[in-house]
Amino acid sequence: MKQAVLKKPGLVEIREVAAPREIKANEILLKIHRVGVCGSDVHMYYGKHPFANTYPMIQGHEYGGEVIAVGADVTLLKPGMKATARPHLVCGVCPACKRGQYNVCQDLKVEGCAGPEGSAQEYFIIPEDRAVLIPDTMTYDQAAMIEPAAVGAHSTRRAGDLHDKNVVVTGAGTIGNLVAQFAIARGAKKVMITDLVDSKLEKAKVCGIRHTANLAKESFSDATKRVFGEEGFQVAFEAVGAQSALTEVIGGVENGGTVVIIGVYVQNPVVNMGFLGEHELNVIGSMMYRHEDYLEAIDLVDKGVIKTSPLITQYFSLDQYHDAYKFIEANADQAIKVIITVP
């Protein structure tokens, strides 16, 4: 079978390997159909991910596949069904794991990122405890989008009750868009998403995010006044991983408000801690997701509440994995979600 291997920063090679090993009693063999290219994958491609630098690496932690075979003890799935799975590899014994926060396990590894091989290959074995069923009503494209959608589910849950609150989301890429959609689904009063690229903001509108702001053409303060008026905003989600975006939301959020950090920062940002304390702001982190976030994401995508199809902008085959990265490099403004198809 074929695998796409990130041998070192800037180099992806396709290699032929033996068929998958025999599955264990609790395991499931998937035929991979779709793999999403994540922002974290791009950071790894350039060797700039702050928490993942393992090479060579078979990437891929966003995927959808067909169940080919199941172990003797598996009850969740049967051959012919569609499935995906959480990529967490956790210890199960650290304090975070014991209290159910395994997404921040002190020894956390992520398949296709900082752990064993990921799904960028023709066949992939997953354990039942991390697997989730994808309904027949959903496509393999949608299955591959469940992982980023679960980020939106988890981060908006982290912010507490959003009902009747005004929300800002920085960054209209895949994650920012899905976060904004989940904020709307959770009852936010108004949600404004920001970016520097008009085409990404237009995609946001297609996905039902009415309020947008291009900060290359309008200042952040002017945009918030235009959208929220004197009410301002009470919650912000920083999904860019940029100093400027963080500074704006911390400086602009209502006193006592909440800022949720989602973006990956290549360089550590500077935060005015005096301002933070003086205004009693809640600045909290959000790390990936948990199983319930996957289940909620599947439910809302299946119902059409969360839209993923407009975010898919390009397709490349498994053999073109390196070309996909080069396309993203040359066309960053055009690429939102690039999907790898596995024939």
C-alpha atoms as a PDB file:
ATOM      1  CA  MET A   1       0.000   0.000   0.000  1.00  0.00           C
ATOM      2  CA  LYS A   2       1.045   3.644  -0.401  1.00  0.00           C
ATOM      3  CA  GLN A   3       1.988   6.059   2.360  1.00  0.00           C
ATOM      4  CA  ALA A   4       2.774   9.796   2.201  1.00  0.00           C
ATOM      5  CA  VAL A   5       5.831  10.373   4.396  1.00  0.00           C
ATOM      6  CA  LEU A   6       7.065  13.770   5.584  1.00  0.00           C
ATOM      7  CA  LYS A   7      10.728  12.744   5.640  1.00  0.00           C
ATOM      8  CA  LYS A   8      11.999  16.120   6.813  1.00  0.00           C
ATOM      9  CA  PRO A   9      10.803  19.716   6.670  1.00  0.00           C
ATOM     10  CA  GLY A  10       9.931  20.541   3.084  1.00  0.00           C
ATOM     11  CA  LEU A  11      10.036  16.999   1.698  1.00  0.00           C
ATOM     12  CA  VAL A  12       7.112  14.576   1.277  1.00  0.00           C
ATOM     13  CA  GLU A  13       7.699  11.251  -0.423  1.00  0.00           C
ATOM     14  CA  ILE A  14       5.297   8.488  -1.459  1.00  0.00           C
ATOM     15  CA  ARG A  15       6.485   5.022  -0.513  1.00  0.00           C
ATOM     16  CA  GLU A  16       5.181   1.506  -1.015  1.00  0.00           C
ATOM     17  CA  VAL A  17       4.916  -0.676   2.083  1.00  0.00           C
ATOM     18  CA  ALA A  18       3.446  -4.032   2.990  1.00  0.00           C
ATOM     19  CA  ALA A  19      -0.269  -4.438   3.634  1.00  0.00           C
ATOM     20  CA  PRO A  20      -1.432  -3.646   7.187  1.00  0.00           C
ATOM     21  CA  ARG A  21      -0.690  -6.166   9.934  1.00  0.00           C
ATOM     22  CA  GLU A  22      -3.437  -8.374  11.301  1.00  0.00           C
ATOM     23  CA  ILE A  23      -5.800  -6.379  13.505  1.00  0.00           C
ATOM     24  CA  LYS A  24      -6.235  -7.067  17.220  1.00  0.00           C
ATOM     25  CA  ALA A  25      -9.538  -7.901  18.918  1.00  0.00           C
ATOM     26  CA  ASN A  26     -10.283  -4.239  19.754  1.00  0.00           C
ATOM     27  CA  GLU A  27      -9.130  -2.753  16.437  1.00  0.00           C
ATOM     28  CA  ILE A  28     -10.706  -1.634  13.178  1.00  0.00           C
ATOM     29  CA  LEU A  29      -9.144  -1.572   9.719  1.00  0.00           C
ATOM     30  CA  LEU A  30     -10.117   1.435   7.617  1.00  0.00           C
ATOM     31  CA  LYS A  31      -9.719   2.021   3.916  1.00  0.00           C
ATOM     32  CA  ILE A  32      -8.894   5.734   3.938  1.00  0.00           C
ATOM     33  CA  HIS A  33     -10.853   7.840   1.430  1.00  0.00           C
ATOM     34  CA  ARG A  34     -10.131  11.434   2.518  1.00  0.00           C
ATOM     35  CA  VAL A  35      -7.395  13.177   4.532  1.00  0.00           C
ATOM     36  CA  GLY A  36      -7.550  16.850   5.471  1.00  0.00           C
ATOM     37  CA  VAL A  37      -4.424  19.006   5.488  1.00  0.00           C
ATOM     38  CA  CYS A  38      -4.400  20.909   8.789  1.00  0.00           C
ATOM     39  CA  GLY A  39      -2.649  24.117   9.752  1.00  0.00           C
ATOM     40  CA  SER A  40      -0.586  22.049  12.196  1.00  0.00           C
ATOM     41  CA  ASP A  41       0.500  19.847   9.275  1.00  0.00           C
ATOM     42  CA  VAL A  42       1.667  22.947   7.437  1.00  0.00           C
ATOM     43  CA  HIS A  43       3.663  24.056  10.499  1.00  0.00           C
ATOM     44  CA  MET A  44       5.287  20.602  10.564  1.00  0.00           C
ATOM     45  CA  TYR A  45       6.006  20.765   6.838  1.00  0.00           C
ATOM     46  CA  TYR A  46       8.049  23.902   7.462  1.00  0.00           C
ATOM     47  CA  GLY A  47       9.612  22.532  10.648  1.00  0.00           C
ATOM     48  CA  LYS A  48       8.029  25.338  12.670  1.00  0.00           C
ATOM     49  CA  HIS A  49       5.482  23.556  14.857  1.00  0.00           C
ATOM     50  CA  PRO A  50       6.379  24.482  18.459  1.00  0.00           C
ATOM     51  CA  PHE A  51       5.262  21.131  19.888  1.00  0.00           C
ATOM     52  CA  ALA A  52       5.796  18.636  17.068  1.00  0.00           C
ATOM     53  CA  ASN A  53       9.121  17.984  15.378  1.00  0.00           C
ATOM     54  CA  THR A  54       9.241  14.222  14.798  1.00  0.00           C
ATOM     55  CA  TYR A  55      10.599  13.159  11.400  1.00  0.00           C
ATOM     56  CA  PRO A  56      10.039  11.089   9.352  1.00  0.00           C
ATOM     57  CA  MET A  57       6.288  11.191   9.919  1.00  0.00           C
ATOM     58  CA  ILE A  58       3.241   9.808   8.147  1.00  0.00           C
ATOM     59  CA  GLN A  59       0.899  12.751   8.604  1.00  0.00           C
ATOM     60  CA  GLY A  60      -2.873  12.862   8.724  1.00  0.00           C
ATOM     61  CA  HIS A  61      -5.157  13.299  11.717  1.00  0.00           C
ATOM     62  CA  GLU A  62      -8.270  14.522   9.866  1.00  0.00           C
ATOM     63  CA  TYR A  63      -9.743  11.655   7.880  1.00  0.00           C
ATOM     64  CA  GLY A  64     -12.694   9.605   6.785  1.00  0.00           C
ATOM     65  CA  GLY A  65     -12.604   5.957   5.835  1.00  0.00           C
ATOM     66  CA  GLU A  66     -14.558   2.799   5.151  1.00  0.00           C
ATOM     67  CA  VAL A  67     -14.530  -0.036   7.658  1.00  0.00           C
ATOM     68  CA  ILE A  68     -12.923  -3.050   5.973  1.00  0.00           C
ATOM     69  CA  ALA A  69     -12.556  -5.388   8.943  1.00  0.00           C
ATOM     70  CA  VAL A  70     -13.154  -5.377  12.702  1.00  0.00           C
ATOM     71  CA  GLY A  71     -11.624  -7.330  15.572  1.00  0.00           C
ATOM     72  CA  ALA A  72     -13.517  -9.984  17.489  1.00  0.00           C
ATOM     73  CA  ASP A  73     -14.417  -7.648  20.372  1.00  0.00           C
ATOM     74  CA  VAL A  74     -15.563  -4.647  18.315  1.00  0.00           C
ATOM     75  CA  THR A  75     -19.277  -3.792  18.612  1.00  0.00           C
ATOM     76  CA  LEU A  76     -19.432  -0.134  17.474  1.00  0.00           C
ATOM     77  CA  LEU A  77     -18.687  -0.658  13.788  1.00  0.00           C
ATOM     78  CA  LYS A  78     -19.168  -3.237  11.056  1.00  0.00           C
ATOM     79  CA  PRO A  79     -17.550  -3.661   7.625  1.00  0.00           C
ATOM     80  CA  GLY A  80     -19.009  -1.263   5.076  1.00  0.00           C
ATOM     81  CA  MET A  81     -19.680   1.530   7.584  1.00  0.00           C
ATOM     82  CA  LYS A  82     -17.997   4.947   7.482  1.00  0.00           C
ATOM     83  CA  ALA A  83     -15.812   6.032  10.364  1.00  0.00           C
ATOM     84  CA  THR A  84     -13.150   8.356  11.677  1.00  0.00           C
ATOM     85  CA  ALA A  85     -11.354   8.533  15.030  1.00  0.00           C
ATOM     86  CA  ARG A  86      -9.778  10.888  17.522  1.00  0.00           C
ATOM     87  CA  PRO A  87      -5.980  10.991  17.069  1.00  0.00           C
ATOM     88  CA  HIS A  88      -5.178  11.248  20.806  1.00  0.00           C
ATOM     89  CA  LEU A  89      -2.621   8.865  22.283  1.00  0.00           C
ATOM     90  CA  VAL A  90      -2.751   9.282  26.062  1.00  0.00           C
ATOM     91  CA  CYS A  91      -1.226   7.680  29.137  1.00  0.00           C
ATOM     92  CA  GLY A  92      -4.482   7.239  31.069  1.00  0.00           C
ATOM     93  CA  VAL A  93      -2.763   7.575  34.457  1.00  0.00           C
ATOM     94  CA  CYS A  94      -1.693  11.219  34.804  1.00  0.00           C
ATOM     95  CA  PRO A  95      -3.885  13.611  36.850  1.00  0.00           C
ATOM     96  CA  ALA A  96      -5.413  15.159  33.718  1.00  0.00           C
ATOM     97  CA  CYS A  97      -6.365  11.758  32.308  1.00  0.00           C
ATOM     98  CA  LYS A  98      -7.805  10.604  35.617  1.00  0.00           C
ATOM     99  CA  ARG A  99     -10.137  13.598  35.797  1.00  0.00           C
ATOM    100  CA  GLY A 100     -11.260  13.067  32.202  1.00  0.00           C
ATOM    101  CA  GLN A 101      -9.144  15.809  30.601  1.00  0.00           C
ATOM    102  CA  TYR A 102      -7.176  13.370  28.475  1.00  0.00           C
ATOM    103  CA  ASN A 103      -6.897  15.992  25.736  1.00  0.00           C
ATOM    104  CA  VAL A 104      -4.243  17.639  27.915  1.00  0.00           C
ATOM    105  CA  CYS A 105      -2.567  14.394  29.019  1.00  0.00           C
ATOM    106  CA  GLN A 106       0.903  15.195  30.313  1.00  0.00           C
ATOM    107  CA  ASP A 107       2.285  12.634  27.835  1.00  0.00           C
ATOM    108  CA  LEU A 108      -0.091  13.455  24.969  1.00  0.00           C
ATOM    109  CA  LYS A 109       0.899  12.389  21.479  1.00  0.00           C
ATOM    110  CA  VAL A 110      -1.140  12.971  18.353  1.00  0.00           C
ATOM    111  CA  GLU A 111      -1.200  10.510  15.479  1.00  0.00           C
ATOM    112  CA  GLY A 112       0.230  12.077  12.372  1.00  0.00           C
ATOM    113  CA  CYS A 113       1.727  14.974  14.320  1.00  0.00           C
ATOM    114  CA  ALA A 114       3.902  14.067  17.306  1.00  0.00           C
ATOM    115  CA  GLY A 115       3.121  10.397  17.650  1.00  0.00           C
ATOM    116  CA  PRO A 116       3.112   7.199  15.593  1.00  0.00           C
ATOM    117  CA  GLU A 117       1.992   7.231  11.993  1.00  0.00           C
ATOM    118  CA  GLY A 118      -1.097   9.046  10.832  1.00  0.00           C
ATOM    119  CA  SER A 119      -3.740   8.360   8.212  1.00  0.00           C
ATOM    120  CA  ALA A 120      -2.032   9.600   5.030  1.00  0.00           C
ATOM    121  CA  GLN A 121      -1.976   6.092   3.614  1.00  0.00           C
ATOM    122  CA  GLU A 122      -4.323   3.687   1.900  1.00  0.00           C
ATOM    123  CA  TYR A 123      -5.189   1.657   5.004  1.00  0.00           C
ATOM    124  CA  PHE A 124      -5.137   2.640   8.667  1.00  0.00           C
ATOM    125  CA  ILE A 125      -5.813   0.763  11.900  1.00  0.00           C
ATOM    126  CA  ILE A 126      -7.726   2.445  14.745  1.00  0.00           C
ATOM    127  CA  PRO A 127      -8.827   1.214  18.185  1.00  0.00           C
ATOM    128  CA  GLU A 128     -12.531   1.065  18.955  1.00  0.00           C
ATOM    129  CA  ASP A 129     -12.293   3.369  21.991  1.00  0.00           C
ATOM    130  CA  ARG A 130     -11.261   6.308  19.795  1.00  0.00           C
ATOM    131  CA  ALA A 131     -13.452   5.468  16.807  1.00  0.00           C
ATOM    132  CA  VAL A 132     -16.689   7.240  15.885  1.00  0.00           C
ATOM    133  CA  LEU A 133     -19.361   6.154  13.450  1.00  0.00           C
ATOM    134  CA  ILE A 134     -20.070   8.445  10.507  1.00  0.00           C
ATOM    135  CA  PRO A 135     -23.732   8.176   9.416  1.00  0.00           C
ATOM    136  CA  ASP A 136     -24.493   6.988   5.898  1.00  0.00           C
ATOM    137  CA  THR A 137     -26.102  10.386   5.277  1.00  0.00           C
ATOM    138  CA  MET A 138     -22.650  12.017   5.492  1.00  0.00           C
ATOM    139  CA  THR A 139     -19.893  11.990   2.870  1.00  0.00           C
ATOM    140  CA  TYR A 140     -16.231  11.083   3.300  1.00  0.00           C
ATOM    141  CA  ASP A 141     -15.463  14.782   2.810  1.00  0.00           C
ATOM    142  CA  GLN A 142     -17.629  15.574   5.830  1.00  0.00           C
ATOM    143  CA  ALA A 143     -16.035  12.750   7.794  1.00  0.00           C
ATOM    144  CA  ALA A 144     -12.597  14.284   7.236  1.00  0.00           C
ATOM    145  CA  MET A 145     -13.933  17.630   8.502  1.00  0.00           C
ATOM    146  CA  ILE A 146     -15.126  16.260  11.841  1.00  0.00           C
ATOM    147  CA  GLU A 147     -11.741  16.716  13.499  1.00  0.00           C
ATOM    148  CA  PRO A 148     -11.573  20.495  12.895  1.00  0.00           C
ATOM    149  CA  ALA A 149     -15.299  20.784  13.630  1.00  0.00           C
ATOM    150  CA  ALA A 150     -14.652  19.147  17.009  1.00  0.00           C
ATOM    151  CA  VAL A 151     -12.127  21.923  17.729  1.00  0.00           C
ATOM    152  CA  GLY A 152     -14.976  24.378  17.237  1.00  0.00           C
ATOM    153  CA  ALA A 153     -17.249  22.349  19.499  1.00  0.00           C
ATOM    154  CA  HIS A 154     -14.674  22.111  22.288  1.00  0.00           C
ATOM    155  CA  SER A 155     -13.400  25.693  22.240  1.00  0.00           C
ATOM    156  CA  THR A 156     -16.882  27.195  22.300  1.00  0.00           C
ATOM    157  CA  ARG A 157     -17.775  24.880  25.173  1.00  0.00           C
ATOM    158  CA  ARG A 158     -14.691  26.162  27.017  1.00  0.00           C
ATOM    159  CA  ALA A 159     -16.024  29.719  26.841  1.00  0.00           C
ATOM    160  CA  GLY A 160     -19.093  28.904  28.938  1.00  0.00           C
ATOM    161  CA  ASP A 161     -22.599  30.087  28.161  1.00  0.00           C
ATOM    162  CA  LEU A 162     -22.558  32.112  24.933  1.00  0.00           C
ATOM    163  CA  HIS A 163     -26.276  32.765  24.868  1.00  0.00           C
ATOM    164  CA  ASP A 164     -27.025  36.429  24.133  1.00  0.00           C
ATOM    165  CA  LYS A 165     -23.318  37.391  24.125  1.00  0.00           C
ATOM    166  CA  ASN A 166     -21.434  39.191  21.368  1.00  0.00           C
ATOM    167  CA  VAL A 167     -18.476  37.217  20.046  1.00  0.00           C
ATOM    168  CA  VAL A 168     -15.381  37.975  17.972  1.00  0.00           C
ATOM    169  CA  VAL A 169     -13.440  35.267  16.140  1.00  0.00           C
ATOM    170  CA  THR A 170     -10.049  36.171  14.674  1.00  0.00           C
ATOM    171  CA  GLY A 171      -9.105  34.292  11.537  1.00  0.00           C
ATOM    172  CA  ALA A 172     -11.515  33.032   8.867  1.00  0.00           C
ATOM    173  CA  GLY A 173      -9.635  29.881   7.997  1.00  0.00           C
ATOM    174  CA  THR A 174     -11.073  26.428   8.658  1.00  0.00           C
ATOM    175  CA  ILE A 175     -10.851  26.584  12.452  1.00  0.00           C
ATOM    176  CA  GLY A 176     -12.010  30.188  12.824  1.00  0.00           C
ATOM    177  CA  ASN A 177     -14.948  29.589  10.513  1.00  0.00           C
ATOM    178  CA  LEU A 178     -16.054  26.475  12.402  1.00  0.00           C
ATOM    179  CA  VAL A 179     -15.610  28.184  15.776  1.00  0.00           C
ATOM    180  CA  ALA A 180     -17.809  31.037  14.582  1.00  0.00           C
ATOM    181  CA  GLN A 181     -20.444  28.582  13.337  1.00  0.00           C
ATOM    182  CA  PHE A 182     -20.466  26.801  16.698  1.00  0.00           C
ATOM    183  CA  ALA A 183     -20.737  30.119  18.548  1.00  0.00           C
ATOM    184  CA  ILE A 184     -23.842  30.910  16.494  1.00  0.00           C
ATOM    185  CA  ALA A 185     -25.218  27.416  17.150  1.00  0.00           C
ATOM    186  CA  ARG A 186     -24.688  27.962  20.896  1.00  0.00           C
ATOM    187  CA  GLY A 187     -26.890  31.037  20.880  1.00  0.00           C
ATOM    188  CA  ALA A 188     -24.450  33.931  20.603  1.00  0.00           C
ATOM    189  CA  LYS A 189     -26.215  37.235  19.929  1.00  0.00           C
ATOM    190  CA  LYS A 190     -23.844  38.471  17.222  1.00  0.00           C
ATOM    191  CA  VAL A 191     -20.666  36.835  15.895  1.00  0.00           C
ATOM    192  CA  MET A 192     -18.065  38.796  13.943  1.00  0.00           C
ATOM    193  CA  ILE A 193     -15.204  37.029  12.181  1.00  0.00           C
ATOM    194  CA  THR A 194     -12.074  38.872  11.047  1.00  0.00           C
ATOM    195  CA  ASP A 195      -9.415  38.196   8.441  1.00  0.00           C
ATOM    196  CA  LEU A 196      -7.220  39.965   5.894  1.00  0.00           C
ATOM    197  CA  VAL A 197      -8.560  38.075   2.867  1.00  0.00           C
ATOM    198  CA  ASP A 198     -11.933  38.894   1.302  1.00  0.00           C
ATOM    199  CA  SER A 199     -12.432  35.435  -0.218  1.00  0.00           C
ATOM    200  CA  LYS A 200     -12.243  33.777   3.213  1.00  0.00           C
ATOM    201  CA  LEU A 201     -14.727  36.261   4.605  1.00  0.00           C
ATOM    202  CA  GLU A 202     -17.054  35.530   1.692  1.00  0.00           C
ATOM    203  CA  LYS A 203     -16.852  31.828   2.576  1.00  0.00           C
ATOM    204  CA  ALA A 204     -17.809  32.772   6.121  1.00  0.00           C
ATOM    205  CA  LYS A 205     -20.975  34.432   4.828  1.00  0.00           C
ATOM    206  CA  VAL A 206     -21.804  31.339   2.777  1.00  0.00           C
ATOM    207  CA  CYS A 207     -21.569  29.381   6.041  1.00  0.00           C
ATOM    208  CA  GLY A 208     -24.051  31.693   7.756  1.00  0.00           C
ATOM    209  CA  ILE A 209     -21.614  34.030   9.530  1.00  0.00           C
ATOM    210  CA  ARG A 210     -23.221  37.372   8.718  1.00  0.00           C
ATOM    211  CA  HIS A 211     -20.789  39.804  10.312  1.00  0.00           C
ATOM    212  CA  THR A 212     -17.292  40.007   8.836  1.00  0.00           C
ATOM    213  CA  ALA A 213     -14.406  42.464   8.934  1.00  0.00           C
ATOM    214  CA  ASN A 214     -11.367  42.717   6.687  1.00  0.00           C
ATOM    215  CA  LEU A 215      -8.747  44.238   8.977  1.00  0.00           C
ATOM    216  CA  ALA A 216      -6.612  45.191   5.981  1.00  0.00           C
ATOM    217  CA  LYS A 217      -9.345  47.682   5.116  1.00  0.00           C
ATOM    218  CA  GLU A 218     -10.889  48.567   8.468  1.00  0.00           C
ATOM    219  CA  SER A 219      -9.456  48.932  11.964  1.00  0.00           C
ATOM    220  CA  PHE A 220     -10.454  46.404  14.602  1.00  0.00           C
ATOM    221  CA  SER A 221     -12.047  49.082  16.790  1.00  0.00           C
ATOM    222  CA  ASP A 222     -14.057  50.495  13.877  1.00  0.00           C
ATOM    223  CA  ALA A 223     -15.253  47.006  12.962  1.00  0.00           C
ATOM    224  CA  THR A 224     -16.416  46.185  16.486  1.00  0.00           C
ATOM    225  CA  LYS A 225     -18.254  49.505  16.727  1.00  0.00           C
ATOM    226  CA  ARG A 226     -19.905  48.903  13.362  1.00  0.00           C
ATOM    227  CA  VAL A 227     -21.113  45.421  14.306  1.00  0.00           C
ATOM    228  CA  PHE A 228     -21.757  45.652  18.052  1.00  0.00           C
ATOM    229  CA  GLY A 229     -22.288  49.361  18.634  1.00  0.00           C
ATOM    230  CA  GLU A 230     -22.127  50.398  22.288  1.00  0.00           C
ATOM    231  CA  GLU A 231     -22.656  46.805  23.446  1.00  0.00           C
ATOM    232  CA  GLY A 232     -19.109  45.763  22.542  1.00  0.00           C
ATOM    233  CA  PHE A 233     -18.178  42.095  22.736  1.00  0.00           C
ATOM    234  CA  GLN A 234     -17.915  39.804  25.733  1.00  0.00           C
ATOM    235  CA  VAL A 235     -16.100  36.782  24.288  1.00  0.00           C
ATOM    236  CA  ALA A 236     -13.309  36.359  21.751  1.00  0.00           C
ATOM    237  CA  PHE A 237     -11.702  33.336  20.139  1.00  0.00           C
ATOM    238  CA  GLU A 238      -8.168  33.894  18.869  1.00  0.00           C
ATOM    239  CA  ALA A 239      -7.659  31.391  16.042  1.00  0.00           C
ATOM    240  CA  VAL A 240      -4.804  33.060  14.150  1.00  0.00           C
ATOM    241  CA  GLY A 241      -1.851  32.564  16.469  1.00  0.00           C
ATOM    242  CA  ALA A 242      -0.586  36.099  15.815  1.00  0.00           C
ATOM    243  CA  GLN A 243       0.547  38.823  18.207  1.00  0.00           C
ATOM    244  CA  SER A 244      -1.563  41.508  16.547  1.00  0.00           C
ATOM    245  CA  ALA A 245      -4.768  39.483  16.793  1.00  0.00           C
ATOM    246  CA  LEU A 246      -4.161  38.631  20.446  1.00  0.00           C
ATOM    247  CA  THR A 247      -3.395  42.246  21.336  1.00  0.00           C
ATOM    248  CA  GLU A 248      -6.590  43.459  19.659  1.00  0.00           C
ATOM    249  CA  VAL A 249      -8.971  41.029  21.330  1.00  0.00           C
ATOM    250  CA  ILE A 250      -7.437  41.436  24.788  1.00  0.00           C
ATOM    251  CA  GLY A 251      -7.511  45.214  24.405  1.00  0.00           C
ATOM    252  CA  GLY A 252     -11.042  45.263  23.007  1.00  0.00           C
ATOM    253  CA  VAL A 253     -13.024  42.670  24.968  1.00  0.00           C
ATOM    254  CA  GLU A 254     -15.410  43.925  27.643  1.00  0.00           C
ATOM    255  CA  ASN A 255     -14.035  44.220  31.184  1.00  0.00           C
ATOM    256  CA  GLY A 256     -14.492  40.848  32.852  1.00  0.00           C
ATOM    257  CA  GLY A 257     -14.776  39.197  29.430  1.00  0.00           C
ATOM    258  CA  THR A 258     -13.270  35.982  28.108  1.00  0.00           C
ATOM    259  CA  VAL A 259     -10.603  35.331  25.486  1.00  0.00           C
ATOM    260  CA  VAL A 260     -10.097  31.735  24.335  1.00  0.00           C
ATOM    261  CA  ILE A 261      -6.739  30.877  22.759  1.00  0.00           C
ATOM    262  CA  ILE A 262      -6.929  28.368  19.904  1.00  0.00           C
ATOM    263  CA  GLY A 263      -4.209  29.445  17.454  1.00  0.00           C
ATOM    264  CA  VAL A 264      -0.720  27.917  17.382  1.00  0.00           C
ATOM    265  CA  TYR A 265       1.925  30.574  18.096  1.00  0.00           C
ATOM    266  CA  VAL A 266       5.210  30.001  16.308  1.00  0.00           C
ATOM    267  CA  GLN A 267       6.662  32.779  18.484  1.00  0.00           C
ATOM    268  CA  ASN A 268       5.542  33.395  22.048  1.00  0.00           C
ATOM    269  CA  PRO A 269       3.340  36.517  22.137  1.00  0.00           C
ATOM    270  CA  VAL A 270       3.639  39.398  24.595  1.00  0.00           C
ATOM    271  CA  VAL A 271       0.656  39.986  26.876  1.00  0.00           C
ATOM    272  CA  ASN A 272       0.119  43.078  29.046  1.00  0.00           C
ATOM    273  CA  MET A 273      -0.490  41.244  32.314  1.00  0.00           C
ATOM    274  CA  GLY A 274      -1.201  44.485  34.167  1.00  0.00           C
ATOM    275  CA  PHE A 275      -4.041  45.262  31.769  1.00  0.00           C
ATOM    276  CA  LEU A 276      -5.254  41.689  32.103  1.00  0.00           C
ATOM    277  CA  GLY A 277      -5.440  41.912  35.881  1.00  0.00           C
ATOM    278  CA  GLU A 278      -6.837  45.431  35.962  1.00  0.00           C
ATOM    279  CA  HIS A 279      -9.734  44.444  33.713  1.00  0.00           C
ATOM    280  CA  GLU A 280     -10.209  41.018  35.314  1.00  0.00           C
ATOM    281  CA  LEU A 281     -10.110  39.245  31.960  1.00  0.00           C
ATOM    282  CA  ASN A 282     -10.415  35.495  31.603  1.00  0.00           C
ATOM    283  CA  VAL A 283      -7.795  34.270  29.134  1.00  0.00           C
ATOM    284  CA  ILE A 284      -8.061  30.509  28.749  1.00  0.00           C
ATOM    285  CA  GLY A 285      -6.550  27.857  26.535  1.00  0.00           C
ATOM    286  CA  SER A 286      -8.388  25.315  24.430  1.00  0.00           C
ATOM    287  CA  MET A 287      -6.628  22.113  23.412  1.00  0.00           C
ATOM    288  CA  MET A 288      -8.108  20.024  20.639  1.00  0.00           C
ATOM    289  CA  TYR A 289     -11.276  18.203  21.840  1.00  0.00           C
ATOM    290  CA  ARG A 290     -12.707  15.227  23.677  1.00  0.00           C
ATOM    291  CA  HIS A 291     -14.920  12.383  22.507  1.00  0.00           C
ATOM    292  CA  GLU A 292     -18.160  14.222  23.256  1.00  0.00           C
ATOM    293  CA  ASP A 293     -16.984  17.035  20.970  1.00  0.00           C
ATOM    294  CA  TYR A 294     -16.577  14.561  18.099  1.00  0.00           C
ATOM    295  CA  LEU A 295     -20.070  13.224  18.687  1.00  0.00           C
ATOM    296  CA  GLU A 296     -21.570  16.728  18.810  1.00  0.00           C
ATOM    297  CA  ALA A 297     -19.692  17.745  15.661  1.00  0.00           C
ATOM    298  CA  ILE A 298     -21.011  14.712  13.774  1.00  0.00           C
ATOM    299  CA  ASP A 299     -24.548  15.403  14.962  1.00  0.00           C
ATOM    300  CA  LEU A 300     -24.551  19.076  13.928  1.00  0.00           C
ATOM    301  CA  VAL A 301     -22.768  18.493  10.612  1.00  0.00           C
ATOM    302  CA  ASP A 302     -25.222  15.706   9.786  1.00  0.00           C
ATOM    303  CA  LYS A 303     -28.163  18.015  10.607  1.00  0.00           C
ATOM    304  CA  GLY A 304     -26.733  20.825   8.465  1.00  0.00           C
ATOM    305  CA  VAL A 305     -26.334  23.197  11.416  1.00  0.00           C
ATOM    306  CA  ILE A 306     -22.569  23.255  10.854  1.00  0.00           C
ATOM    307  CA  LYS A 307     -21.539  23.603   7.216  1.00  0.00           C
ATOM    308  CA  THR A 308     -18.233  22.111   6.081  1.00  0.00           C
ATOM    309  CA  SER A 309     -18.523  21.721   2.307  1.00  0.00           C
ATOM    310  CA  PRO A 310     -17.934  25.424   1.468  1.00  0.00           C
ATOM    311  CA  LEU A 311     -14.596  25.276   3.305  1.00  0.00           C
ATOM    312  CA  ILE A 312     -13.114  22.643   0.998  1.00  0.00           C
ATOM    313  CA  THR A 313     -11.309  24.619  -1.672  1.00  0.00           C
ATOM    314  CA  GLN A 314      -8.924  22.152  -3.363  1.00  0.00           C
ATOM    315  CA  TYR A 315      -8.372  18.422  -3.850  1.00  0.00           C
ATOM    316  CA  PHE A 316      -5.125  16.552  -4.433  1.00  0.00           C
ATOM    317  CA  SER A 317      -4.532  12.813  -4.730  1.00  0.00           C
ATOM    318  CA  LEU A 318      -2.323  10.874  -2.311  1.00  0.00           C
ATOM    319  CA  ASP A 319       0.406  10.850  -4.961  1.00  0.00           C
ATOM    320  CA  GLN A 320       0.231  14.661  -5.046  1.00  0.00           C
ATOM    321  CA  TYR A 321       0.715  15.194  -1.306  1.00  0.00           C
ATOM    322  CA  HIS A 322       3.846  17.289  -1.803  1.00  0.00           C
ATOM    323  CA  ASP A 323       2.089  19.282  -4.518  1.00  0.00           C
ATOM    324  CA  ALA A 324      -0.663  20.096  -2.012  1.00  0.00           C
ATOM    325  CA  TYR A 325       1.849  21.747   0.319  1.00  0.00           C
ATOM    326  CA  LYS A 326       3.419  23.642  -2.544  1.00  0.00           C
ATOM    327  CA  PHE A 327      -0.012  24.860  -3.624  1.00  0.00           C
ATOM    328  CA  ILE A 328      -0.771  26.081  -0.102  1.00  0.00           C
ATOM    329  CA  GLU A 329       2.617  27.800  -0.010  1.00  0.00           C
ATOM    330  CA  ALA A 330       1.981  29.637  -3.288  1.00  0.00           C
ATOM    331  CA  ASN A 331      -1.755  30.272  -2.803  1.00  0.00           C
ATOM    332  CA  ALA A 332      -2.277  30.802   0.915  1.00  0.00           C
ATOM    333  CA  ASP A 333      -5.098  33.273   0.274  1.00  0.00           C
ATOM    334  CA  GLN A 334      -7.026  30.792  -1.871  1.00  0.00           C
ATOM    335  CA  ALA A 335      -6.580  27.636   0.198  1.00  0.00           C
ATOM    336  CA  ILE A 336      -8.897  27.121   3.152  1.00  0.00           C
ATOM    337  CA  LYS A 337      -9.222  23.359   3.479  1.00  0.00           C
ATOM    338  CA  VAL A 338      -7.182  21.185   1.147  1.00  0.00           C
ATOM    339  CA  ILE A 339      -8.352  17.573   0.965  1.00  0.00           C
ATOM    340  CA  ILE A 340      -6.258  14.587  -0.077  1.00  0.00           C
ATOM    341  CA  THR A 341      -8.208  11.897  -1.920  1.00  0.00           C
ATOM    342  CA  VAL A 342      -7.061   8.303  -1.572  1.00  0.00           C
ATOM    343  CA  PRO A 343      -8.124   6.235  -4.622  1.00  0.00           C
END
